[in-house]
Amino acid sequence: VEGRCAYAPEDETLTCVTVSFRMTHGPDVGRVIVQEYTLGQTTPVFSVGEQVVMDYAPDAAEEFQYRYYDRQRRGVLLVVTLLFVIVVVALGRWRGLAALVGLAASVIVLLQFIVPAIIDGRSPVLVAMVGAAAIAYVALYAAHGFTRMTTVALLGTLTALALTVLLSWLALAAAQLSGFAEEASFILTLSGRIDVGGLVLAGVVLGSMGAIDDVTVTQASAVWELKAAAPHLGWRQLFVRSLRVGRDHIASMVNTLLLAYAGAAMPLLLFFVLSSQSLGTVLNTEIVAIEVLRTLLGSIGLVAAVPATSWLAAVTAADLRPEDLHRHV
């Protein structure tokens, strides 16, 4: 209900909206909470009957125990998740289902190993490397089976990942990035044991991991299909032809990384543009420099994954008979 704000002085006219929240969960089911919001651009817009989440402070005074926190989005998230599962399984069938198992395993590794270990004070870089290797192992073998091709893709992934870690460590050290420009500075107030600087490098490792294993699987699969279609090809010919496929893939993947990071940092980019700072000044700020380095270092790892995986796949597949190419090992 819109009306005059209850707290406004009599000589001023301020418009507020009064909202009644009826609790459907928690310790006060059925209780009605009435709150008043001054109308403005940041005022949340409610509709009758929608579900929201309330913040609860049990130790506060009764009139301040509850306040609006956020929308209830679990239903939308569940529907979109189910749609994603249906699409993946409909197209990929058993392989798509196996890929979902690998995805679930990746989430478990992230939430049960990587995040707790970093919070516990372990080296974020070391934790990210071990976690990324575990994710690659589980995700690749779950989606593609225990074949020689999958093993080649895994080796190519680990090779590119090691190069990415090395270059990232050198570049981030040279740039003297503290990491305090990101959300990590806030996290540090909750847990003083976190290595904030190492957290930046860990983010680069995990951020490039998904794109790298995409490239390595594509390259290994291309070599396998070339060998199956032309069994007479030697490893040199397999290597050269698969590189042609890799060049096209890299050209699109590098742009994908750039747009992914730019999309995530869009509010930040708008802020710097509106502040009328020069491009050089914007790029030099730590929070933007981190995103630029992530894109460039991740792209270097992607590029390195192509020749490394192509060579490993060509050498491995060269002496295989067509009927042995997809045999489980």
Protein backbone atom coordinates (compact mmCIF):
# COMPACT_ATOMS: atom_id res chain seq x y z
CA VAL A 1 0.00 0.00 0.00
CA GLU A 2 1.43 3.38 -1.01
CA GLY A 3 1.00 6.39 1.22
CA ARG A 4 2.69 9.07 3.26
CA CYS A 5 5.73 7.86 5.21
CA ALA A 6 4.95 7.43 8.89
CA TYR A 7 8.35 8.81 9.93
CA ALA A 8 8.20 11.92 7.71
CA PRO A 9 7.96 15.35 9.42
CA GLU A 10 4.56 16.98 9.07
CA ASP A 11 5.93 19.73 6.85
CA GLU A 12 7.40 17.21 4.36
CA THR A 13 5.64 14.85 1.99
CA LEU A 14 7.48 11.58 1.49
CA THR A 15 5.85 8.62 -0.24
CA CYS A 16 6.39 5.15 1.16
CA VAL A 17 5.08 1.70 0.40
CA THR A 18 3.88 -0.44 3.30
CA VAL A 19 4.35 -4.17 2.79
CA SER A 20 2.89 -7.01 4.86
CA PHE A 21 4.88 -10.26 4.95
CA ARG A 22 3.16 -13.41 6.23
CA MET A 23 5.63 -15.98 7.53
CA THR A 24 5.18 -19.46 5.99
CA HIS A 25 8.33 -21.08 7.41
CA GLY A 26 10.53 -20.71 10.46
CA PRO A 27 9.70 -20.23 14.15
CA ASP A 28 6.86 -17.71 13.57
CA VAL A 29 4.64 -19.36 10.97
CA GLY A 30 1.52 -17.28 10.43
CA ARG A 31 2.97 -14.10 11.92
CA VAL A 32 2.50 -10.96 9.80
CA ILE A 33 5.47 -8.57 9.56
CA VAL A 34 4.70 -5.01 8.40
CA GLN A 35 7.56 -2.95 6.97
CA GLU A 36 7.75 0.45 5.31
CA TYR A 37 10.00 1.39 2.38
CA THR A 38 10.68 4.85 0.97
CA LEU A 39 9.85 4.90 -2.75
CA GLY A 40 12.90 5.25 -4.98
CA GLN A 41 14.90 3.56 -7.72
CA THR A 42 16.32 0.95 -5.33
CA THR A 43 13.03 0.19 -3.58
CA PRO A 44 12.05 -3.47 -4.14
CA VAL A 45 8.78 -3.95 -6.03
CA PHE A 46 6.49 -6.60 -4.57
CA SER A 47 3.34 -8.25 -5.84
CA VAL A 48 0.64 -9.89 -3.76
CA GLY A 49 1.22 -13.59 -3.20
CA GLU A 50 4.86 -13.85 -4.24
CA GLN A 51 7.36 -15.64 -2.03
CA VAL A 52 10.38 -13.90 -0.55
CA VAL A 53 13.16 -14.73 1.91
CA MET A 54 13.37 -12.87 5.22
CA ASP A 55 16.48 -12.26 7.28
CA TYR A 56 15.97 -13.37 10.90
CA ALA A 57 17.73 -11.93 13.96
CA PRO A 58 16.30 -13.80 16.98
CA ASP A 59 18.20 -11.68 19.54
CA ALA A 60 16.90 -8.35 18.22
CA ALA A 61 13.88 -6.50 19.50
CA GLU A 62 10.61 -7.98 18.30
CA GLU A 63 9.92 -5.25 15.74
CA PHE A 64 13.41 -5.66 14.26
CA GLN A 65 13.69 -9.45 14.17
CA TYR A 66 12.70 -9.74 10.52
CA ARG A 67 13.64 -7.81 7.42
CA TYR A 68 13.32 -8.46 3.71
CA TYR A 69 16.39 -10.26 2.36
CA ASP A 70 15.80 -11.55 -1.19
CA ARG A 71 13.39 -13.15 -3.65
CA GLN A 72 12.58 -16.84 -3.42
CA ARG A 73 14.13 -18.27 -6.59
CA ARG A 74 14.40 -21.97 -5.79
CA GLY A 75 11.47 -22.87 -8.02
CA VAL A 76 12.99 -21.15 -11.06
CA LEU A 77 16.40 -22.69 -10.36
CA LEU A 78 14.85 -26.15 -10.10
CA VAL A 79 12.92 -25.78 -13.38
CA VAL A 80 15.97 -24.52 -15.30
CA THR A 81 18.11 -27.31 -13.81
CA LEU A 82 15.60 -29.94 -14.89
CA LEU A 83 15.45 -28.39 -18.37
CA PHE A 84 19.25 -28.51 -18.56
CA VAL A 85 19.29 -32.18 -17.54
CA ILE A 86 16.58 -33.07 -20.07
CA VAL A 87 18.39 -31.31 -22.94
CA VAL A 88 21.76 -32.90 -22.11
CA VAL A 89 20.33 -36.41 -21.75
CA ALA A 90 18.08 -36.07 -24.83
CA LEU A 91 21.03 -35.20 -27.06
CA GLY A 92 23.87 -37.04 -25.34
CA ARG A 93 21.84 -40.01 -24.06
CA TRP A 94 24.03 -42.29 -21.92
CA ARG A 95 27.08 -40.13 -22.56
CA GLY A 96 25.12 -37.05 -21.59
CA LEU A 97 24.01 -38.78 -18.40
CA ALA A 98 27.63 -39.71 -17.69
CA ALA A 99 28.63 -36.08 -18.26
CA LEU A 100 26.07 -35.02 -15.63
CA VAL A 101 27.65 -37.49 -13.20
CA GLY A 102 31.01 -35.87 -13.89
CA LEU A 103 29.45 -32.43 -13.35
CA ALA A 104 28.04 -33.52 -10.00
CA ALA A 105 31.44 -34.90 -9.01
CA SER A 106 33.05 -31.56 -9.93
CA VAL A 107 30.62 -29.69 -7.68
CA ILE A 108 31.36 -32.12 -4.85
CA VAL A 109 35.12 -31.63 -5.25
CA LEU A 110 34.65 -27.84 -5.24
CA LEU A 111 32.40 -27.73 -2.18
CA GLN A 112 33.82 -30.61 -0.16
CA PHE A 113 37.55 -30.29 -0.87
CA ILE A 114 38.68 -27.06 -2.55
CA VAL A 115 36.62 -24.52 -0.60
CA PRO A 116 37.05 -26.11 2.88
CA ALA A 117 40.80 -26.58 2.34
CA ILE A 118 41.28 -22.92 1.36
CA ILE A 119 39.20 -21.74 4.33
CA ASP A 120 41.29 -23.99 6.56
CA GLY A 121 44.40 -22.04 5.54
CA ARG A 122 45.89 -24.41 2.97
CA SER A 123 47.72 -22.98 -0.06
CA PRO A 124 44.98 -21.94 -2.54
CA VAL A 125 47.31 -22.61 -5.49
CA LEU A 126 48.17 -26.15 -4.38
CA VAL A 127 44.57 -26.88 -3.48
CA ALA A 128 43.35 -25.57 -6.84
CA MET A 129 45.91 -27.66 -8.73
CA VAL A 130 45.01 -30.87 -6.90
CA GLY A 131 41.30 -30.13 -7.14
CA ALA A 132 41.48 -29.26 -10.84
CA ALA A 133 43.38 -32.48 -11.57
CA ALA A 134 40.79 -34.50 -9.65
CA ILE A 135 37.94 -32.76 -11.48
CA ALA A 136 39.59 -33.41 -14.84
CA TYR A 137 40.14 -37.09 -13.99
CA VAL A 138 36.56 -37.71 -12.83
CA ALA A 139 34.82 -35.55 -15.43
CA LEU A 140 36.74 -36.87 -18.45
CA TYR A 141 36.54 -40.56 -17.58
CA ALA A 142 32.90 -40.29 -16.49
CA ALA A 143 31.86 -38.61 -19.74
CA HIS A 144 34.09 -40.45 -22.23
CA GLY A 145 34.92 -43.79 -20.58
CA PHE A 146 38.24 -45.43 -19.79
CA THR A 147 39.73 -45.30 -23.27
CA ARG A 148 43.11 -44.37 -24.68
CA MET A 149 41.57 -41.24 -26.16
CA THR A 150 40.35 -40.10 -22.73
CA THR A 151 43.76 -40.75 -21.21
CA VAL A 152 45.41 -38.67 -23.92
CA ALA A 153 42.93 -35.85 -23.29
CA LEU A 154 43.65 -36.03 -19.55
CA LEU A 155 47.42 -35.87 -20.10
CA GLY A 156 46.98 -32.90 -22.46
CA THR A 157 44.79 -31.18 -19.88
CA LEU A 158 47.32 -31.66 -17.08
CA THR A 159 50.17 -30.45 -19.33
CA ALA A 160 48.32 -27.26 -20.29
CA LEU A 161 47.23 -26.77 -16.68
CA ALA A 162 50.83 -27.01 -15.43
CA LEU A 163 51.94 -24.42 -17.99
CA THR A 164 49.06 -22.13 -17.00
CA VAL A 165 50.01 -22.37 -13.32
CA LEU A 166 53.65 -21.59 -14.02
CA LEU A 167 52.93 -18.59 -16.26
CA SER A 168 50.23 -17.32 -13.91
CA TRP A 169 52.55 -17.49 -10.92
CA LEU A 170 55.23 -15.50 -12.78
CA ALA A 171 52.82 -12.93 -14.23
CA LEU A 172 50.85 -12.30 -11.04
CA ALA A 173 54.06 -11.97 -9.02
CA ALA A 174 55.48 -9.48 -11.54
CA ALA A 175 52.23 -7.49 -11.50
CA GLN A 176 52.34 -7.38 -7.68
CA LEU A 177 48.65 -8.16 -7.30
CA SER A 178 47.61 -8.31 -3.67
CA GLY A 179 44.16 -9.79 -4.22
CA PHE A 180 42.53 -7.32 -1.86
CA ALA A 181 40.67 -5.67 -4.74
CA GLU A 182 38.33 -8.64 -4.97
CA GLU A 183 35.73 -10.10 -2.60
CA ALA A 184 38.62 -11.88 -0.89
CA SER A 185 39.34 -8.75 1.14
CA PHE A 186 35.89 -9.11 2.69
CA ILE A 187 36.34 -12.85 3.19
CA LEU A 188 39.57 -12.13 5.05
CA THR A 189 37.58 -10.42 7.78
CA LEU A 190 35.69 -13.68 8.33
CA SER A 191 38.71 -15.98 8.14
CA GLY A 192 42.16 -14.49 8.63
CA ARG A 193 43.91 -17.69 7.56
CA ILE A 194 43.18 -17.34 3.83
CA ASP A 195 46.09 -16.52 1.50
CA VAL A 196 44.39 -13.75 -0.47
CA GLY A 197 47.18 -13.40 -3.02
CA GLY A 198 47.18 -17.13 -3.73
CA LEU A 199 43.41 -17.01 -4.11
CA VAL A 200 43.80 -14.94 -7.28
CA LEU A 201 46.09 -17.56 -8.82
CA ALA A 202 43.73 -20.35 -7.75
CA GLY A 203 40.93 -18.52 -9.55
CA VAL A 204 42.97 -18.40 -12.75
CA VAL A 205 43.65 -22.14 -12.53
CA LEU A 206 40.02 -23.15 -11.93
CA GLY A 207 38.67 -20.57 -14.39
CA SER A 208 40.72 -21.93 -17.28
CA MET A 209 40.25 -25.58 -16.35
CA GLY A 210 36.85 -26.06 -17.99
CA ALA A 211 37.90 -24.52 -21.28
CA ILE A 212 41.16 -26.48 -21.39
CA ASP A 213 39.55 -29.91 -21.04
CA ASP A 214 37.05 -28.92 -23.73
CA VAL A 215 39.93 -28.25 -26.12
CA THR A 216 41.86 -31.40 -25.22
CA VAL A 217 38.87 -33.70 -25.69
CA THR A 218 38.12 -32.09 -29.06
CA GLN A 219 41.71 -32.50 -30.24
CA ALA A 220 42.01 -36.10 -29.09
CA SER A 221 38.66 -36.95 -30.67
CA ALA A 222 39.70 -35.29 -33.94
CA VAL A 223 42.86 -37.43 -34.11
CA TRP A 224 40.91 -40.59 -33.35
CA GLU A 225 38.35 -39.87 -36.06
CA LEU A 226 41.09 -39.03 -38.58
CA LYS A 227 42.80 -42.33 -37.85
CA ALA A 228 39.53 -44.23 -38.13
CA ALA A 229 38.73 -42.59 -41.50
CA ALA A 230 42.27 -42.87 -42.89
CA PRO A 231 44.16 -45.74 -41.17
CA HIS A 232 47.23 -45.17 -43.40
CA LEU A 233 48.03 -41.78 -41.82
CA GLY A 234 51.19 -41.64 -39.74
CA TRP A 235 51.64 -39.60 -36.59
CA ARG A 236 53.05 -36.57 -38.45
CA GLN A 237 50.06 -36.35 -40.78
CA LEU A 238 47.65 -36.88 -37.89
CA PHE A 239 49.39 -34.16 -35.94
CA VAL A 240 49.33 -31.61 -38.78
CA ARG A 241 45.71 -32.25 -39.72
CA SER A 242 44.46 -32.14 -36.14
CA LEU A 243 46.24 -28.80 -35.67
CA ARG A 244 44.04 -27.36 -38.43
CA VAL A 245 41.00 -28.33 -36.39
CA GLY A 246 42.63 -26.89 -33.28
CA ARG A 247 43.29 -23.51 -34.86
CA ASP A 248 39.60 -23.06 -35.64
CA HIS A 249 38.62 -24.17 -32.16
CA ILE A 250 41.10 -21.85 -30.47
CA ALA A 251 39.92 -18.86 -32.51
CA SER A 252 36.44 -19.22 -31.00
CA MET A 253 37.48 -20.34 -27.50
CA VAL A 254 39.72 -17.31 -26.88
CA ASN A 255 36.79 -15.03 -27.66
CA THR A 256 34.60 -17.16 -25.40
CA LEU A 257 36.91 -16.59 -22.44
CA LEU A 258 37.03 -12.86 -23.07
CA LEU A 259 33.25 -12.54 -23.26
CA ALA A 260 32.77 -14.75 -20.19
CA TYR A 261 35.03 -12.56 -18.05
CA ALA A 262 33.64 -9.34 -19.56
CA GLY A 263 30.09 -10.46 -18.86
CA ALA A 264 30.90 -11.20 -15.24
CA ALA A 265 32.60 -7.81 -14.84
CA MET A 266 30.00 -5.78 -16.76
CA PRO A 267 28.88 -3.61 -13.79
CA LEU A 268 32.55 -2.88 -13.06
CA LEU A 269 33.19 -1.86 -16.68
CA LEU A 270 30.19 0.46 -16.62
CA PHE A 271 31.44 2.04 -13.40
CA PHE A 272 34.85 2.84 -14.87
CA VAL A 273 33.36 4.22 -18.09
CA LEU A 274 31.02 6.49 -16.14
CA SER A 275 33.94 7.70 -14.01
CA SER A 276 35.52 9.16 -17.20
CA GLN A 277 38.92 7.57 -16.58
CA SER A 278 41.30 6.82 -19.43
CA LEU A 279 41.62 3.28 -20.77
CA GLY A 280 45.18 3.03 -19.47
CA THR A 281 44.11 4.06 -15.99
CA VAL A 282 41.24 1.58 -15.98
CA LEU A 283 43.43 -1.31 -17.14
CA ASN A 284 46.05 -0.48 -14.53
CA THR A 285 43.64 -0.78 -11.60
CA GLU A 286 44.12 -4.07 -9.79
CA ILE A 287 40.54 -5.28 -10.06
CA VAL A 288 40.58 -4.87 -13.86
CA ALA A 289 44.18 -6.06 -14.29
CA ILE A 290 43.24 -9.32 -12.57
CA GLU A 291 40.48 -9.97 -15.11
CA VAL A 292 42.75 -9.07 -18.04
CA LEU A 293 45.47 -11.41 -16.80
CA ARG A 294 42.94 -14.18 -16.22
CA THR A 295 41.76 -13.91 -19.80
CA LEU A 296 45.26 -13.77 -21.31
CA LEU A 297 46.79 -16.49 -19.12
CA GLY A 298 43.80 -18.77 -19.59
CA SER A 299 44.02 -18.23 -23.34
CA ILE A 300 47.72 -19.15 -23.33
CA GLY A 301 46.80 -22.39 -21.59
CA LEU A 302 44.16 -23.05 -24.23
CA VAL A 303 46.58 -22.46 -27.08
CA ALA A 304 49.21 -24.68 -25.46
CA ALA A 305 46.67 -27.47 -25.02
CA VAL A 306 46.18 -27.82 -28.78
CA PRO A 307 49.68 -28.85 -29.92
CA ALA A 308 50.37 -30.79 -26.71
CA THR A 309 47.21 -32.88 -26.98
CA SER A 310 47.46 -33.23 -30.76
CA TRP A 311 51.01 -34.58 -30.50
CA LEU A 312 50.15 -37.01 -27.70
CA ALA A 313 47.07 -38.21 -29.57
CA ALA A 314 48.91 -38.57 -32.89
CA VAL A 315 51.75 -40.59 -31.38
CA THR A 316 49.31 -42.80 -29.47
CA ALA A 317 46.86 -43.41 -32.32
CA ALA A 318 49.42 -43.84 -35.10
CA ASP A 319 50.09 -47.53 -34.35
CA LEU A 320 46.53 -48.47 -33.42
CA ARG A 321 44.26 -50.45 -35.69
CA PRO A 322 40.85 -48.85 -36.46
CA GLU A 323 39.04 -51.53 -34.43
CA ASP A 324 41.25 -50.78 -31.40
CA LEU A 325 40.75 -47.03 -31.38
CA HIS A 326 37.71 -46.96 -29.09
CA ARG A 327 38.49 -50.08 -27.12
CA HIS A 328 38.38 -49.64 -23.36
CA VAL A 329 41.68 -49.94 -21.47
